[in-house]
Amino acid sequence: MSKLPITKVSWMDAITFCNELSRKLGRMECYTVTNESENTIFNKIANGFRLLSDAEWQYACKAGSTGYRYARIDHIAWYQGNSNGSVHKVGQLLPNPWGLYDLIGNVWEWCWDLYDAERYGNYRVFRGGSWAEVENNCGSTSRRKSMPNFKIDDLGFRIALTNP
């Protein structure tokens, strides 16, 4: 079994995965998917798997810390300066204070949120930086956006389980 994070997945792929995993495990799907991502509905009372919100992602990444990173970057993140140009197995560097690995660096992670609907339409948020980024682009407040069907080799996702 590979311990590499999933990459080359769109936001649409990620929410489809969440719904399928929820169904497979007998949980209620969190998303009603439409062809236009901005009209996709998130059922907040569903007990299934989902993407983290932008705010949840940052809260989980910071884990009670106050800085841009909770430790020196070489100890916690794969980025351009130490990745040798590729993704790495998860959990090889130090976790954050809550025991979560690879929130910073390795791969960007899709979040549920629209970036700024008035200005960018259906663009969705992704967070954290990746193996292909310079040091300054990998941190707890590092945030980007793209179309919900965008896929690239340094963009993946992290899921959460809602327990109402």
Foldseek 3Di string as FASTA:
>chain_A
DAQFFDFQFFLVRQLVVQQVVCVVVVWHRQWDDDPQLVPIHGDQPTQTKDFAALVRLLCLQCVPPDDQHQDDDVQAEQAQVHPVPAADGWPPHDAHPVRHHHSAERAWAWGSDAPDCVVPNRKTKTDAYYNYHDPVCGGSPRMDIDHRRDGDRRYHHDMDGDDD
